[in-house]
């Protein structure tokens, strides 16, 4: 749940990448240090507010995952990682935990996608409030369900690929997704 839950708060941590993309777009030389330009953004309060909302969803996800585990394989902790893996893959309770966990995790991931797909870039780019940014993000998803579903699947797939080599692939995947998100934002909400 901790590792998969990272995807719920990742858009907040990508804000510096969105800022770098914004600066590149307007023709300003950009380096990694420019990611910290977000700290001087007039939208910092709104960005932090949205980050706290994503953090709350992450905490709720952890609670839901714990309850799912308690109702299926818990409450006793597994004896080892090997025993846990065997229980998950070879028992009815383990399969139930996995299927219900994936379904509930999908709902949380969908909520984050809908709330934040363009919210963070929009807050950096335009002088609007948090409520307007979230409403705009919801509207973008409502008007573009197919492309947004494909984008969500792309994010999920790339995050899984990035985690396979001991999370090292995230050093490549995360910046690519951050910059691609800016371009997606610009595509659906041009200047």
Foldseek 3Di string as FASTA:
>chain_A
DVLLLCLLLLVLVLLLLLQQLVCVVVPHDDDSVSSCVLVVAPLVVLSVVVSVVSVVLSVVLVVVLLVLCCVQVDDPDAPDPVRLVCCLPPHPSNVSSVVVNVVVSVVSLVVSQQQVLQLSSCSRPDPDHNVVSRVVSNVLCVVCVPVSVVLSVVLVVQCVVCPVVVNNNCVVSSSVNSSVSSVVNCVSPPD
